[in-house]
Amino acid sequence: MPARARPLTPTCAPTDHGATASPLLAPSARTADRAARILRAMGDPARVRLLAELAAGPRCVTELAQASGDGLPVVSQRLRVLRSEGLVQSQRDGKHVLYSLEDAHVLQLLVTVLAHAGEDRIAAL
């Protein structure tokens, strides 16, 4: 029979190590939930590749499908997920609907995530 684990008793206070609370790093429950939904939307390699394609500029679904090698319905579904979380926006241009990144924050997030993913220490895991 395995031994019961005793609950850990804190031996230090958060301020013992110079940590200070930052409003940016102390999100409300609503903000944390929204951030998790954004990260889930980006949690598919094909959607990350779509975002990377859109980082180069606005594209229609046909261009995105050709670039990815996937069908129009598949690409449209991926764009719907990204759009529902505010990562991409759409704008009608005549007969075409052009998709683009929502704003500079999305580009910054994408660049940061891809740079972090490309680090050797992460790849070794």
Protein backbone atom coordinates (compact mmCIF):
# COMPACT_ATOMS: atom_id res chain seq x y z
CA MET A 1 0.00 0.00 0.00
CA PRO A 2 1.53 3.35 -1.03
CA ALA A 3 2.32 5.88 1.65
CA ARG A 4 0.08 8.92 1.82
CA ALA A 5 1.68 12.13 0.69
CA ARG A 6 1.59 14.87 3.28
CA PRO A 7 0.46 18.30 2.11
CA LEU A 8 3.32 20.69 1.52
CA THR A 9 3.70 23.47 4.01
CA PRO A 10 5.10 26.69 2.53
CA THR A 11 8.49 27.53 3.95
CA CYS A 12 8.85 30.95 2.39
CA ALA A 13 6.73 33.95 1.52
CA PRO A 14 6.39 35.22 -2.06
CA THR A 15 8.37 38.33 -1.13
CA ASP A 16 11.34 36.32 0.21
CA HIS A 17 12.84 36.09 -3.28
CA GLY A 18 12.26 39.61 -4.49
CA ALA A 19 9.11 38.71 -6.44
CA THR A 20 6.60 41.50 -6.81
CA ALA A 21 3.10 41.17 -8.14
CA SER A 22 2.55 42.63 -11.59
CA PRO A 23 -0.98 43.41 -12.80
CA LEU A 24 0.02 42.06 -16.22
CA LEU A 25 1.04 38.74 -14.69
CA ALA A 26 -1.90 38.55 -12.32
CA PRO A 27 -4.74 38.17 -14.82
CA SER A 28 -8.36 38.12 -13.84
CA ALA A 29 -10.21 34.86 -14.34
CA ARG A 30 -11.82 36.33 -17.47
CA THR A 31 -8.46 37.37 -18.94
CA ALA A 32 -6.86 34.01 -18.14
CA ASP A 33 -9.78 32.22 -19.80
CA ARG A 34 -9.49 34.40 -22.91
CA ALA A 35 -5.73 33.83 -23.09
CA ALA A 36 -6.27 30.07 -22.83
CA ARG A 37 -8.82 30.18 -25.68
CA ILE A 38 -6.37 32.13 -27.85
CA LEU A 39 -3.60 29.64 -27.14
CA ARG A 40 -5.95 26.72 -27.90
CA ALA A 41 -6.86 28.33 -31.23
CA MET A 42 -3.15 28.54 -32.02
CA GLY A 43 -2.62 24.99 -30.74
CA ASP A 44 -2.87 23.33 -34.15
CA PRO A 45 0.17 23.27 -36.46
CA ALA A 46 -1.97 23.91 -39.54
CA ARG A 47 -3.51 27.00 -37.94
CA VAL A 48 -0.05 28.24 -36.93
CA ARG A 49 1.04 27.86 -40.57
CA LEU A 50 -2.04 29.83 -41.70
CA LEU A 51 -1.14 32.61 -39.28
CA ALA A 52 2.42 32.59 -40.60
CA GLU A 53 1.11 32.87 -44.16
CA LEU A 54 -1.10 35.80 -43.13
CA ALA A 55 1.89 37.49 -41.48
CA ALA A 56 3.10 38.21 -45.02
CA GLY A 57 -0.11 40.08 -45.81
CA PRO A 58 -3.81 39.62 -46.59
CA ARG A 59 -4.82 36.47 -48.46
CA CYS A 60 -8.06 34.98 -49.74
CA VAL A 61 -9.11 31.44 -48.87
CA THR A 62 -8.07 30.18 -52.32
CA GLU A 63 -4.52 31.51 -51.88
CA LEU A 64 -4.32 30.01 -48.40
CA ALA A 65 -5.61 26.65 -49.64
CA GLN A 66 -3.06 26.62 -52.46
CA ALA A 67 -0.23 27.52 -50.09
CA SER A 68 -1.21 24.81 -47.58
CA GLY A 69 -2.23 22.14 -50.06
CA ASP A 70 -5.53 21.70 -48.21
CA GLY A 71 -9.08 22.02 -49.51
CA LEU A 72 -11.14 25.19 -49.28
CA PRO A 73 -13.55 23.79 -46.65
CA VAL A 74 -10.67 22.74 -44.37
CA VAL A 75 -8.96 26.11 -44.64
CA SER A 76 -12.26 27.93 -44.11
CA GLN A 77 -12.87 25.94 -40.92
CA ARG A 78 -9.40 26.78 -39.60
CA LEU A 79 -9.94 30.45 -40.39
CA ARG A 80 -13.29 30.33 -38.58
CA VAL A 81 -11.55 29.11 -35.42
CA LEU A 82 -8.86 31.80 -35.68
CA ARG A 83 -11.42 34.49 -36.41
CA SER A 84 -13.68 33.46 -33.51
CA GLU A 85 -10.80 34.12 -31.10
CA GLY A 86 -9.88 37.45 -32.66
CA LEU A 87 -6.63 36.30 -34.24
CA VAL A 88 -7.64 37.07 -37.84
CA GLN A 89 -10.06 39.45 -39.46
CA SER A 90 -11.81 39.38 -42.80
CA GLN A 91 -12.62 42.09 -45.30
CA ARG A 92 -14.56 41.81 -48.53
CA ASP A 93 -12.71 42.88 -51.68
CA GLY A 94 -15.10 42.52 -54.62
CA LYS A 95 -15.83 38.81 -55.03
CA HIS A 96 -13.11 37.82 -52.57
CA VAL A 97 -12.89 37.84 -48.81
CA LEU A 98 -9.39 38.70 -47.67
CA TYR A 99 -8.09 37.47 -44.34
CA SER A 100 -5.35 39.17 -42.35
CA LEU A 101 -3.93 39.11 -38.85
CA GLU A 102 -6.14 41.02 -36.43
CA ASP A 103 -3.39 43.33 -35.18
CA ALA A 104 0.28 43.70 -34.28
CA HIS A 105 -0.25 41.75 -31.03
CA VAL A 106 -1.08 38.61 -33.02
CA LEU A 107 2.06 39.03 -35.13
CA GLN A 108 4.15 39.60 -32.01
CA LEU A 109 2.67 36.51 -30.34
CA LEU A 110 3.28 34.39 -33.44
CA VAL A 111 6.88 35.57 -33.82
CA THR A 112 7.57 34.95 -30.12
CA VAL A 113 6.03 31.47 -30.12
CA LEU A 114 7.86 30.42 -33.30
CA ALA A 115 11.17 31.76 -31.98
CA HIS A 116 10.69 29.92 -28.70
CA ALA A 117 9.67 26.72 -30.48
CA GLY A 118 12.78 26.92 -32.63
CA GLU A 119 15.21 27.06 -29.70
CA ASP A 120 17.52 24.05 -29.46
CA ARG A 121 16.79 23.41 -25.80
CA ILE A 122 13.11 22.95 -26.57
CA ALA A 123 13.74 20.71 -29.59
CA ALA A 124 15.86 18.41 -27.42
CA LEU A 125 12.91 17.61 -25.17
